[in-house]
Amino acid sequence: MFQSVRKSGAVLLVMMGCVAVLAAAAGPDGAEPGNRGRLLAAAREIITASRFCALVTIGADGAPNVRMMDAFAPDEDMVVWMGTNSASRKVEDLRHNPRVAVYYADPDAPGYVTIRGVARLVEDPDETRKRWKEEWKALYPKDRSNYILIEIRPQTIEVLNLAAGVGSDKESWEVPTIVFAETETKPSQ
């Protein structure tokens, strides 16, 4: 257990060092509307390279809860889908508060993508059949009756991808952000 704590501490120190490097990187030139396509491409690079992401929900006590997830690649509108157990804590959190963040870390270089948005629980059998990974079979040994989906519609996406030339502001460390129009983020019915 202590090795795990030490490793976590080491990872945190490395991440803090990366923040300092990122702050000194290129400016927030991707924040302008004309660069939306460039930012989305830079975000997709990191998301594609990341095997897992972190889903952040807000618990009934107001505290954030973070867990590793094996999400599907975002669709053309950057909507993220995830599968989960209907009895999980994240489902309880989402029933209480649908606002979430999804975090992808660049596995090869200093960089990340954070998607903030609104989640919706989806139990539709056609959707759950369509969005399934065979490697999850061990998580549902009897059947998939408790398998549901989480659909996350983005409100904002922060992108820092130094390899793609997308960096933070040198003074404020502000990261380029894509803001989605309200009509783009309304959960589908």
N, C-alpha and C. Protein backbone atom coordinates (compact mmCIF):
# COMPACT_ATOMS: atom_id res chain seq x y z
N MET A 1 0.82 -1.19 0.00
CA MET A 1 0.00 0.00 0.00
C MET A 1 0.87 1.25 0.00
N PHE A 2 1.93 1.26 0.81
CA PHE A 2 2.79 2.44 0.87
C PHE A 2 3.50 2.68 -0.45
N GLN A 3 3.83 1.58 -1.19
CA GLN A 3 4.44 1.75 -2.50
C GLN A 3 3.48 2.50 -3.42
N SER A 4 2.19 2.14 -3.32
CA SER A 4 1.18 2.80 -4.14
C SER A 4 1.08 4.28 -3.79
N VAL A 5 1.11 4.59 -2.50
CA VAL A 5 1.06 5.99 -2.07
C VAL A 5 2.29 6.73 -2.56
N ARG A 6 3.47 6.09 -2.48
CA ARG A 6 4.70 6.72 -2.96
C ARG A 6 4.64 6.97 -4.46
N LYS A 7 4.14 5.98 -5.20
CA LYS A 7 4.01 6.14 -6.63
C LYS A 7 3.06 7.28 -6.95
N SER A 8 1.93 7.35 -6.23
CA SER A 8 0.98 8.43 -6.45
C SER A 8 1.61 9.78 -6.16
N GLY A 9 2.39 9.85 -5.10
CA GLY A 9 3.09 11.09 -4.77
C GLY A 9 4.09 11.47 -5.84
N ALA A 10 4.79 10.47 -6.38
CA ALA A 10 5.76 10.74 -7.44
C ALA A 10 5.06 11.22 -8.70
N VAL A 11 3.93 10.61 -9.01
CA VAL A 11 3.15 11.04 -10.18
C VAL A 11 2.69 12.47 -9.99
N LEU A 12 2.24 12.81 -8.78
CA LEU A 12 1.80 14.17 -8.51
C LEU A 12 2.94 15.16 -8.69
N LEU A 13 4.12 14.81 -8.20
CA LEU A 13 5.27 15.70 -8.37
C LEU A 13 5.63 15.89 -9.84
N VAL A 14 5.58 14.81 -10.60
CA VAL A 14 5.85 14.90 -12.04
C VAL A 14 4.81 15.79 -12.70
N MET A 15 3.54 15.62 -12.32
CA MET A 15 2.48 16.44 -12.90
C MET A 15 2.68 17.91 -12.55
N MET A 16 3.09 18.20 -11.33
CA MET A 16 3.33 19.59 -10.93
C MET A 16 4.47 20.17 -11.75
N GLY A 17 5.50 19.38 -11.99
CA GLY A 17 6.60 19.83 -12.83
C GLY A 17 6.15 20.10 -14.25
N CYS A 18 5.24 19.25 -14.74
CA CYS A 18 4.71 19.44 -16.08
C CYS A 18 3.92 20.74 -16.17
N VAL A 19 3.18 21.08 -15.11
CA VAL A 19 2.43 22.32 -15.11
C VAL A 19 3.37 23.50 -15.29
N ALA A 20 4.51 23.47 -14.63
CA ALA A 20 5.48 24.55 -14.78
C ALA A 20 5.99 24.61 -16.22
N VAL A 21 6.25 23.45 -16.83
CA VAL A 21 6.68 23.42 -18.22
C VAL A 21 5.58 23.95 -19.12
N LEU A 22 4.35 23.53 -18.86
CA LEU A 22 3.23 23.95 -19.69
C LEU A 22 3.02 25.45 -19.61
N ALA A 23 3.22 26.02 -18.45
CA ALA A 23 3.01 27.45 -18.29
C ALA A 23 4.00 28.25 -19.12
N ALA A 24 5.15 27.69 -19.36
CA ALA A 24 6.16 28.39 -20.15
C ALA A 24 6.00 28.11 -21.64
N ALA A 25 5.02 27.30 -22.00
CA ALA A 25 4.84 26.89 -23.40
C ALA A 25 4.17 27.98 -24.21
N ALA A 26 3.86 27.64 -25.43
CA ALA A 26 3.25 28.58 -26.36
C ALA A 26 1.97 29.17 -25.81
N GLY A 27 1.61 30.35 -26.30
CA GLY A 27 0.44 31.10 -25.82
C GLY A 27 -0.87 30.46 -26.22
N PRO A 28 -1.99 31.08 -25.80
CA PRO A 28 -3.33 30.50 -25.99
C PRO A 28 -3.91 30.82 -27.36
N ASP A 29 -3.10 30.71 -28.41
CA ASP A 29 -3.55 31.11 -29.73
C ASP A 29 -4.73 30.28 -30.23
N GLY A 30 -5.01 29.16 -29.60
CA GLY A 30 -6.12 28.32 -30.04
C GLY A 30 -7.46 28.77 -29.52
N ALA A 31 -7.53 29.80 -28.68
CA ALA A 31 -8.78 30.19 -28.06
C ALA A 31 -9.72 30.92 -29.03
N GLU A 32 -9.20 31.49 -30.10
CA GLU A 32 -10.05 32.22 -31.04
C GLU A 32 -10.96 31.26 -31.80
N PRO A 33 -12.17 31.73 -32.15
CA PRO A 33 -13.13 30.87 -32.85
C PRO A 33 -12.57 30.25 -34.12
N GLY A 34 -11.71 30.95 -34.86
CA GLY A 34 -11.15 30.42 -36.09
C GLY A 34 -10.28 29.20 -35.88
N ASN A 35 -9.85 28.98 -34.67
CA ASN A 35 -8.97 27.85 -34.37
C ASN A 35 -9.71 26.66 -33.74
N ARG A 36 -11.04 26.70 -33.78
CA ARG A 36 -11.83 25.61 -33.17
C ARG A 36 -11.45 24.25 -33.76
N GLY A 37 -11.33 24.18 -35.08
CA GLY A 37 -10.97 22.92 -35.73
C GLY A 37 -9.60 22.43 -35.29
N ARG A 38 -8.66 23.33 -35.18
CA ARG A 38 -7.31 22.99 -34.72
C ARG A 38 -7.34 22.46 -33.29
N LEU A 39 -8.12 23.13 -32.44
CA LEU A 39 -8.21 22.68 -31.04
C LEU A 39 -8.88 21.31 -30.94
N LEU A 40 -9.95 21.12 -31.71
CA LEU A 40 -10.62 19.81 -31.69
C LEU A 40 -9.69 18.71 -32.18
N ALA A 41 -8.91 18.99 -33.21
CA ALA A 41 -7.95 18.00 -33.71
C ALA A 41 -6.90 17.69 -32.64
N ALA A 42 -6.41 18.74 -31.95
CA ALA A 42 -5.42 18.54 -30.89
C ALA A 42 -6.02 17.74 -29.74
N ALA A 43 -7.30 18.00 -29.43
CA ALA A 43 -7.98 17.25 -28.36
C ALA A 43 -8.14 15.79 -28.75
N ARG A 44 -8.56 15.54 -29.98
CA ARG A 44 -8.75 14.15 -30.43
C ARG A 44 -7.44 13.37 -30.42
N GLU A 45 -6.33 14.03 -30.71
CA GLU A 45 -5.03 13.35 -30.66
C GLU A 45 -4.78 12.77 -29.27
N ILE A 46 -4.99 13.60 -28.26
CA ILE A 46 -4.75 13.14 -26.88
C ILE A 46 -5.76 12.08 -26.48
N ILE A 47 -7.03 12.30 -26.80
CA ILE A 47 -8.07 11.35 -26.43
C ILE A 47 -7.79 9.98 -27.07
N THR A 48 -7.39 9.98 -28.33
CA THR A 48 -7.09 8.73 -29.04
C THR A 48 -5.91 8.01 -28.42
N ALA A 49 -4.91 8.77 -27.98
CA ALA A 49 -3.71 8.18 -27.39
C ALA A 49 -3.93 7.68 -25.96
N SER A 50 -4.97 8.16 -25.30
CA SER A 50 -5.23 7.80 -23.90
C SER A 50 -6.05 6.53 -23.83
N ARG A 51 -5.55 5.53 -23.17
CA ARG A 51 -6.30 4.27 -23.02
C ARG A 51 -7.50 4.46 -22.09
N PHE A 52 -7.30 5.24 -21.03
CA PHE A 52 -8.35 5.49 -20.05
C PHE A 52 -8.50 6.98 -19.81
N CYS A 53 -9.59 7.36 -19.19
CA CYS A 53 -9.81 8.75 -18.80
C CYS A 53 -10.29 8.74 -17.35
N ALA A 54 -10.45 9.92 -16.79
CA ALA A 54 -10.99 10.06 -15.44
C ALA A 54 -12.33 10.77 -15.54
N LEU A 55 -13.34 10.22 -14.89
CA LEU A 55 -14.66 10.83 -14.82
C LEU A 55 -14.81 11.45 -13.43
N VAL A 56 -15.16 12.73 -13.39
CA VAL A 56 -15.36 13.43 -12.13
C VAL A 56 -16.85 13.74 -12.00
N THR A 57 -17.44 13.27 -10.91
CA THR A 57 -18.83 13.58 -10.60
C THR A 57 -18.86 14.29 -9.26
N ILE A 58 -20.03 14.82 -8.91
CA ILE A 58 -20.20 15.48 -7.61
C ILE A 58 -21.15 14.63 -6.78
N GLY A 59 -20.68 14.23 -5.60
CA GLY A 59 -21.49 13.41 -4.70
C GLY A 59 -22.57 14.22 -4.00
N ALA A 60 -23.49 13.53 -3.36
CA ALA A 60 -24.57 14.19 -2.64
C ALA A 60 -24.04 15.11 -1.54
N ASP A 61 -22.84 14.83 -1.04
CA ASP A 61 -22.23 15.67 -0.01
C ASP A 61 -21.51 16.89 -0.59
N GLY A 62 -21.54 17.03 -1.92
CA GLY A 62 -20.89 18.16 -2.58
C GLY A 62 -19.43 17.94 -2.91
N ALA A 63 -18.87 16.81 -2.51
CA ALA A 63 -17.46 16.51 -2.77
C ALA A 63 -17.30 15.84 -4.13
N PRO A 64 -16.19 16.11 -4.82
CA PRO A 64 -15.95 15.46 -6.11
C PRO A 64 -15.55 14.01 -5.92
N ASN A 65 -15.98 13.18 -6.83
CA ASN A 65 -15.58 11.77 -6.88
C ASN A 65 -14.93 11.53 -8.23
N VAL A 66 -13.76 10.91 -8.22
CA VAL A 66 -13.00 10.67 -9.44
C VAL A 66 -12.76 9.18 -9.60
N ARG A 67 -12.95 8.70 -10.83
CA ARG A 67 -12.65 7.29 -11.09
C ARG A 67 -12.18 7.13 -12.54
N MET A 68 -11.40 6.08 -12.73
CA MET A 68 -10.90 5.76 -14.06
C MET A 68 -12.03 5.12 -14.87
N MET A 69 -12.10 5.49 -16.16
CA MET A 69 -13.14 4.95 -17.03
C MET A 69 -12.52 4.53 -18.36
N ASP A 70 -13.18 3.59 -19.00
CA ASP A 70 -12.81 3.11 -20.33
C ASP A 70 -13.89 3.60 -21.29
N ALA A 71 -13.78 4.86 -21.70
CA ALA A 71 -14.81 5.50 -22.52
C ALA A 71 -14.67 5.13 -23.99
N PHE A 72 -15.75 5.34 -24.72
CA PHE A 72 -15.71 5.24 -26.16
C PHE A 72 -15.13 6.54 -26.70
N ALA A 73 -14.56 6.51 -27.89
CA ALA A 73 -14.06 7.74 -28.51
C ALA A 73 -15.22 8.70 -28.71
N PRO A 74 -14.99 9.99 -28.52
CA PRO A 74 -16.08 10.96 -28.73
C PRO A 74 -16.60 10.90 -30.17
N ASP A 75 -17.89 11.17 -30.32
CA ASP A 75 -18.46 11.20 -31.66
C ASP A 75 -18.10 12.51 -32.36
N GLU A 76 -18.67 12.77 -33.51
CA GLU A 76 -18.32 13.96 -34.29
C GLU A 76 -18.65 15.26 -33.55
N ASP A 77 -19.59 15.23 -32.62
CA ASP A 77 -19.96 16.42 -31.82
C ASP A 77 -19.23 16.45 -30.48
N MET A 78 -18.25 15.57 -30.31
CA MET A 78 -17.46 15.46 -29.07
C MET A 78 -18.29 14.94 -27.89
N VAL A 79 -19.40 14.27 -28.18
CA VAL A 79 -20.18 13.62 -27.14
C VAL A 79 -19.45 12.35 -26.74
N VAL A 80 -19.26 12.16 -25.44
CA VAL A 80 -18.54 10.99 -24.91
C VAL A 80 -19.56 10.02 -24.32
N TRP A 81 -19.37 8.74 -24.62
CA TRP A 81 -20.21 7.67 -24.08
C TRP A 81 -19.35 6.76 -23.22
N MET A 82 -19.92 6.32 -22.09
CA MET A 82 -19.27 5.38 -21.18
C MET A 82 -20.28 4.35 -20.73
N GLY A 83 -19.81 3.15 -20.44
CA GLY A 83 -20.67 2.13 -19.88
C GLY A 83 -20.39 1.99 -18.39
N THR A 84 -21.42 1.60 -17.63
CA THR A 84 -21.23 1.41 -16.19
C THR A 84 -22.31 0.50 -15.62
N ASN A 85 -22.14 0.16 -14.37
CA ASN A 85 -23.09 -0.64 -13.61
C ASN A 85 -24.14 0.30 -13.02
N SER A 86 -25.40 -0.03 -13.19
CA SER A 86 -26.48 0.84 -12.69
C SER A 86 -26.47 1.01 -11.18
N ALA A 87 -25.78 0.12 -10.46
CA ALA A 87 -25.72 0.22 -9.00
C ALA A 87 -24.49 0.99 -8.51
N SER A 88 -23.71 1.55 -9.43
CA SER A 88 -22.46 2.20 -9.04
C SER A 88 -22.68 3.58 -8.40
N ARG A 89 -21.68 4.02 -7.68
CA ARG A 89 -21.72 5.33 -7.02
C ARG A 89 -21.85 6.45 -8.05
N LYS A 90 -21.21 6.29 -9.21
CA LYS A 90 -21.27 7.35 -10.22
C LYS A 90 -22.70 7.56 -10.70
N VAL A 91 -23.48 6.49 -10.81
CA VAL A 91 -24.88 6.62 -11.23
C VAL A 91 -25.66 7.38 -10.16
N GLU A 92 -25.43 7.06 -8.91
CA GLU A 92 -26.08 7.79 -7.81
C GLU A 92 -25.70 9.28 -7.87
N ASP A 93 -24.42 9.55 -8.09
CA ASP A 93 -23.96 10.94 -8.20
C ASP A 93 -24.67 11.65 -9.35
N LEU A 94 -24.77 10.99 -10.51
CA LEU A 94 -25.37 11.62 -11.69
C LEU A 94 -26.86 11.85 -11.52
N ARG A 95 -27.52 11.00 -10.79
CA ARG A 95 -28.95 11.22 -10.52
C ARG A 95 -29.13 12.47 -9.66
N HIS A 96 -28.16 12.73 -8.80
CA HIS A 96 -28.19 13.91 -7.92
C HIS A 96 -27.75 15.18 -8.65
N ASN A 97 -26.70 15.07 -9.49
CA ASN A 97 -26.13 16.23 -10.18
C ASN A 97 -25.50 15.74 -11.49
N PRO A 98 -26.06 16.12 -12.64
CA PRO A 98 -25.56 15.61 -13.92
C PRO A 98 -24.31 16.33 -14.45
N ARG A 99 -23.82 17.34 -13.75
CA ARG A 99 -22.63 18.05 -14.22
C ARG A 99 -21.38 17.22 -13.94
N VAL A 100 -20.53 17.07 -14.97
CA VAL A 100 -19.35 16.22 -14.87
C VAL A 100 -18.15 16.86 -15.55
N ALA A 101 -17.01 16.27 -15.32
CA ALA A 101 -15.79 16.57 -16.07
C ALA A 101 -15.16 15.23 -16.44
N VAL A 102 -14.58 15.19 -17.64
CA VAL A 102 -13.85 14.02 -18.11
C VAL A 102 -12.44 14.50 -18.43
N TYR A 103 -11.44 13.81 -17.88
CA TYR A 103 -10.04 14.22 -18.02
C TYR A 103 -9.24 13.15 -18.74
N TYR A 104 -8.55 13.55 -19.80
CA TYR A 104 -7.65 12.67 -20.54
C TYR A 104 -6.24 13.22 -20.43
N ALA A 105 -5.29 12.42 -20.00
CA ALA A 105 -3.89 12.84 -19.92
C ALA A 105 -3.14 12.32 -21.14
N ASP A 106 -2.31 13.17 -21.71
CA ASP A 106 -1.46 12.74 -22.82
C ASP A 106 -0.46 11.73 -22.26
N PRO A 107 -0.43 10.50 -22.77
CA PRO A 107 0.47 9.49 -22.21
C PRO A 107 1.93 9.68 -22.61
N ASP A 108 2.19 10.52 -23.62
CA ASP A 108 3.54 10.64 -24.15
C ASP A 108 4.22 11.98 -23.93
N ALA A 109 3.46 13.02 -23.61
CA ALA A 109 4.03 14.36 -23.50
C ALA A 109 3.17 15.18 -22.55
N PRO A 110 3.70 16.31 -22.08
CA PRO A 110 2.86 17.17 -21.25
C PRO A 110 1.66 17.67 -22.06
N GLY A 111 0.49 17.33 -21.60
CA GLY A 111 -0.72 17.75 -22.27
C GLY A 111 -1.93 17.04 -21.70
N TYR A 112 -3.09 17.64 -21.92
CA TYR A 112 -4.33 17.04 -21.42
C TYR A 112 -5.53 17.64 -22.13
N VAL A 113 -6.67 16.98 -21.95
CA VAL A 113 -7.97 17.46 -22.42
C VAL A 113 -8.93 17.31 -21.26
N THR A 114 -9.68 18.37 -20.98
CA THR A 114 -10.75 18.29 -19.98
C THR A 114 -12.05 18.66 -20.66
N ILE A 115 -13.01 17.76 -20.59
CA ILE A 115 -14.34 18.02 -21.13
C ILE A 115 -15.26 18.24 -19.94
N ARG A 116 -15.87 19.40 -19.87
CA ARG A 116 -16.90 19.66 -18.85
C ARG A 116 -18.25 19.64 -19.56
N GLY A 117 -19.22 18.96 -18.94
CA GLY A 117 -20.50 18.88 -19.61
C GLY A 117 -21.59 18.35 -18.72
N VAL A 118 -22.65 17.93 -19.37
CA VAL A 118 -23.84 17.42 -18.70
C VAL A 118 -24.01 15.96 -19.10
N ALA A 119 -24.21 15.12 -18.10
CA ALA A 119 -24.36 13.67 -18.33
C ALA A 119 -25.82 13.27 -18.29
N ARG A 120 -26.11 12.22 -19.04
CA ARG A 120 -27.45 11.64 -19.05
C ARG A 120 -27.28 10.13 -18.99
N LEU A 121 -28.08 9.48 -18.13
CA LEU A 121 -28.07 8.02 -18.03
C LEU A 121 -28.98 7.46 -19.12
N VAL A 122 -28.48 6.45 -19.84
CA VAL A 122 -29.21 5.87 -20.96
C VAL A 122 -29.34 4.37 -20.73
N GLU A 123 -30.58 3.90 -20.67
CA GLU A 123 -30.84 2.47 -20.45
C GLU A 123 -31.45 1.80 -21.67
N ASP A 124 -31.57 2.50 -22.76
CA ASP A 124 -32.17 1.98 -23.98
C ASP A 124 -31.42 0.74 -24.45
N PRO A 125 -32.10 -0.40 -24.63
CA PRO A 125 -31.43 -1.64 -25.03
C PRO A 125 -30.68 -1.56 -26.35
N ASP A 126 -31.23 -0.81 -27.32
CA ASP A 126 -30.53 -0.66 -28.60
C ASP A 126 -29.20 0.07 -28.42
N GLU A 127 -29.22 1.12 -27.60
CA GLU A 127 -27.99 1.88 -27.35
C GLU A 127 -26.98 1.04 -26.57
N THR A 128 -27.43 0.31 -25.56
CA THR A 128 -26.50 -0.49 -24.76
C THR A 128 -25.89 -1.63 -25.57
N ARG A 129 -26.66 -2.18 -26.52
CA ARG A 129 -26.11 -3.22 -27.41
C ARG A 129 -25.06 -2.61 -28.34
N LYS A 130 -25.36 -1.42 -28.84
CA LYS A 130 -24.47 -0.75 -29.79
C LYS A 130 -23.16 -0.33 -29.13
N ARG A 131 -23.22 0.04 -27.86
CA ARG A 131 -22.04 0.54 -27.16
C ARG A 131 -21.63 -0.47 -26.08
N TRP A 132 -20.85 -1.42 -26.50
CA TRP A 132 -20.40 -2.50 -25.62
C TRP A 132 -19.01 -2.91 -26.06
N LYS A 133 -18.15 -3.25 -25.10
CA LYS A 133 -16.81 -3.76 -25.40
C LYS A 133 -16.71 -5.17 -24.83
N GLU A 134 -16.30 -6.11 -25.65
CA GLU A 134 -16.23 -7.51 -25.22
C GLU A 134 -15.34 -7.72 -23.99
N GLU A 135 -14.32 -6.89 -23.82
CA GLU A 135 -13.45 -7.04 -22.65
C GLU A 135 -14.17 -6.73 -21.34
N TRP A 136 -15.37 -6.16 -21.43
CA TRP A 136 -16.15 -5.87 -20.22
C TRP A 136 -16.95 -7.08 -19.75
N LYS A 137 -16.95 -8.15 -20.52
CA LYS A 137 -17.74 -9.33 -20.20
C LYS A 137 -17.48 -9.83 -18.77
N ALA A 138 -16.23 -9.77 -18.33
CA ALA A 138 -15.89 -10.23 -16.98
C ALA A 138 -16.52 -9.37 -15.89
N LEU A 139 -16.84 -8.13 -16.21
CA LEU A 139 -17.46 -7.24 -15.23
C LEU A 139 -18.96 -7.52 -15.06
N TYR A 140 -19.54 -8.23 -16.02
CA TYR A 140 -20.96 -8.56 -16.00
C TYR A 140 -21.10 -10.06 -16.23
N PRO A 141 -20.65 -10.90 -15.28
CA PRO A 141 -20.57 -12.34 -15.51
C PRO A 141 -21.91 -13.05 -15.73
N LYS A 142 -22.98 -12.59 -15.11
CA LYS A 142 -24.27 -13.27 -15.27
C LYS A 142 -25.01 -12.79 -16.51
N ASP A 143 -25.21 -11.49 -16.57
CA ASP A 143 -25.88 -10.89 -17.72
C ASP A 143 -25.61 -9.38 -17.71
N ARG A 144 -26.17 -8.71 -18.67
CA ARG A 144 -25.94 -7.26 -18.77
C ARG A 144 -27.14 -6.45 -18.28
N SER A 145 -27.96 -7.03 -17.44
CA SER A 145 -29.18 -6.34 -17.00
C SER A 145 -28.87 -5.07 -16.20
N ASN A 146 -27.70 -4.99 -15.59
CA ASN A 146 -27.35 -3.78 -14.83
C ASN A 146 -26.36 -2.88 -15.59
N TYR A 147 -26.18 -3.14 -16.89
CA TYR A 147 -25.30 -2.33 -17.73
C TYR A 147 -26.08 -1.16 -18.31
N ILE A 148 -25.62 0.05 -18.04
CA ILE A 148 -26.24 1.24 -18.61
C ILE A 148 -25.14 2.14 -19.18
N LEU A 149 -25.57 3.16 -19.89
CA LEU A 149 -24.63 4.09 -20.51
C LEU A 149 -24.72 5.46 -19.87
N ILE A 150 -23.61 6.17 -19.96
CA ILE A 150 -23.56 7.57 -19.58
C ILE A 150 -23.22 8.34 -20.86
N GLU A 151 -24.07 9.27 -21.23
CA GLU A 151 -23.84 10.14 -22.38
C GLU A 151 -23.43 11.50 -21.83
N ILE A 152 -22.28 12.01 -22.27
CA ILE A 152 -21.80 13.30 -21.79
C ILE A 152 -21.72 14.27 -22.96
N ARG A 153 -22.53 15.31 -22.89
CA ARG A 153 -22.52 16.36 -23.90
C ARG A 153 -21.65 17.51 -23.41
N PRO A 154 -20.66 17.90 -24.21
CA PRO A 154 -19.72 18.92 -23.75
C PRO A 154 -20.32 20.32 -23.68
N GLN A 155 -19.89 21.06 -22.66
CA GLN A 155 -20.17 22.49 -22.58
C GLN A 155 -18.88 23.26 -22.89
N THR A 156 -17.77 22.76 -22.35
CA THR A 156 -16.46 23.33 -22.67
C THR A 156 -15.44 22.21 -22.80
N ILE A 157 -14.41 22.47 -23.60
CA ILE A 157 -13.29 21.54 -23.71
C ILE A 157 -12.02 22.37 -23.61
N GLU A 158 -11.18 22.05 -22.63
CA GLU A 158 -9.87 22.66 -22.49
C GLU A 158 -8.86 21.74 -23.15
N VAL A 159 -7.93 22.32 -23.90
CA VAL A 159 -6.94 21.53 -24.62
C VAL A 159 -5.55 22.11 -24.40
N LEU A 160 -4.66 21.26 -23.98
CA LEU A 160 -3.25 21.62 -23.91
C LEU A 160 -2.49 20.47 -24.56
N ASN A 161 -1.95 20.72 -25.74
CA ASN A 161 -1.28 19.68 -26.50
C ASN A 161 -0.03 20.31 -27.10
N LEU A 162 1.07 20.23 -26.37
CA LEU A 162 2.30 20.87 -26.81
C LEU A 162 2.81 20.30 -28.12
N ALA A 163 2.63 19.01 -28.33
CA ALA A 163 3.08 18.38 -29.58
C ALA A 163 2.36 18.97 -30.79
N ALA A 164 1.13 19.43 -30.59
CA ALA A 164 0.36 20.04 -31.67
C ALA A 164 0.48 21.56 -31.67
N GLY A 165 1.32 22.09 -30.78
CA GLY A 165 1.52 23.54 -30.72
C GLY A 165 0.42 24.29 -30.00
N VAL A 166 -0.35 23.60 -29.17
CA VAL A 166 -1.41 24.23 -28.41
C VAL A 166 -0.96 24.31 -26.95
N GLY A 167 -0.59 25.51 -26.51
CA GLY A 167 -0.08 25.71 -25.16
C GLY A 167 -0.89 26.73 -24.39
N SER A 168 -0.49 26.95 -23.16
CA SER A 168 -1.19 27.89 -22.29
C SER A 168 -0.60 29.29 -22.40
N ASP A 169 -1.34 30.26 -21.90
CA ASP A 169 -0.86 31.64 -21.86
C ASP A 169 0.35 31.70 -20.93
N LYS A 170 1.38 32.42 -21.35
CA LYS A 170 2.62 32.47 -20.58
C LYS A 170 2.48 33.15 -19.24
N GLU A 171 1.56 34.10 -19.10
CA GLU A 171 1.40 34.81 -17.83
C GLU A 171 0.30 34.21 -16.96
N SER A 172 -0.87 34.00 -17.53
CA SER A 172 -2.00 33.54 -16.72
C SER A 172 -2.12 32.02 -16.65
N TRP A 173 -1.40 31.31 -17.51
CA TRP A 173 -1.46 29.86 -17.65
C TRP A 173 -2.82 29.40 -18.16
N GLU A 174 -3.64 30.32 -18.65
CA GLU A 174 -4.95 29.97 -19.18
C GLU A 174 -4.78 29.04 -20.38
N VAL A 175 -5.57 27.98 -20.39
CA VAL A 175 -5.49 26.97 -21.43
C VAL A 175 -6.57 27.26 -22.48
N PRO A 176 -6.27 27.08 -23.77
CA PRO A 176 -7.28 27.29 -24.80
C PRO A 176 -8.53 26.45 -24.54
N THR A 177 -9.68 27.09 -24.72
CA THR A 177 -10.95 26.45 -24.39
C THR A 177 -11.94 26.60 -25.54
N ILE A 178 -12.62 25.52 -25.85
CA ILE A 178 -13.71 25.54 -26.82
C ILE A 178 -15.00 25.62 -26.02
N VAL A 179 -15.83 26.58 -26.35
CA VAL A 179 -17.13 26.71 -25.69
C VAL A 179 -18.19 26.27 -26.67
N PHE A 180 -19.04 25.35 -26.24
CA PHE A 180 -20.10 24.83 -27.09
C PHE A 180 -21.37 25.65 -26.86
N ALA A 181 -22.08 25.93 -27.93
CA ALA A 181 -23.34 26.66 -27.82
C ALA A 181 -24.32 25.84 -26.99
N GLU A 182 -25.22 26.53 -26.31
CA GLU A 182 -26.16 25.84 -25.43
C GLU A 182 -26.95 24.78 -26.18
N THR A 183 -27.31 25.03 -27.43
CA THR A 183 -28.08 24.04 -28.20
C THR A 183 -27.26 22.78 -28.46
N GLU A 184 -25.92 22.94 -28.48
CA GLU A 184 -25.05 21.79 -28.71
C GLU A 184 -24.97 20.89 -27.48
N THR A 185 -25.27 21.44 -26.30
CA THR A 185 -25.04 20.70 -25.06
C THR A 185 -26.29 20.18 -24.38
N LYS A 186 -27.46 20.47 -24.95
CA LYS A 186 -28.69 19.98 -24.31
C LYS A 186 -28.73 18.46 -24.44
N PRO A 187 -28.96 17.76 -23.31
CA PRO A 187 -29.04 16.29 -23.41
C PRO A 187 -30.18 15.88 -24.33
N SER A 188 -29.93 14.88 -25.15
CA SER A 188 -30.99 14.40 -26.03
C SER A 188 -32.04 13.68 -25.21
N GLN A 189 -33.24 13.71 -25.68
CA GLN A 189 -34.35 13.10 -24.94
C GLN A 189 -34.56 11.65 -25.29
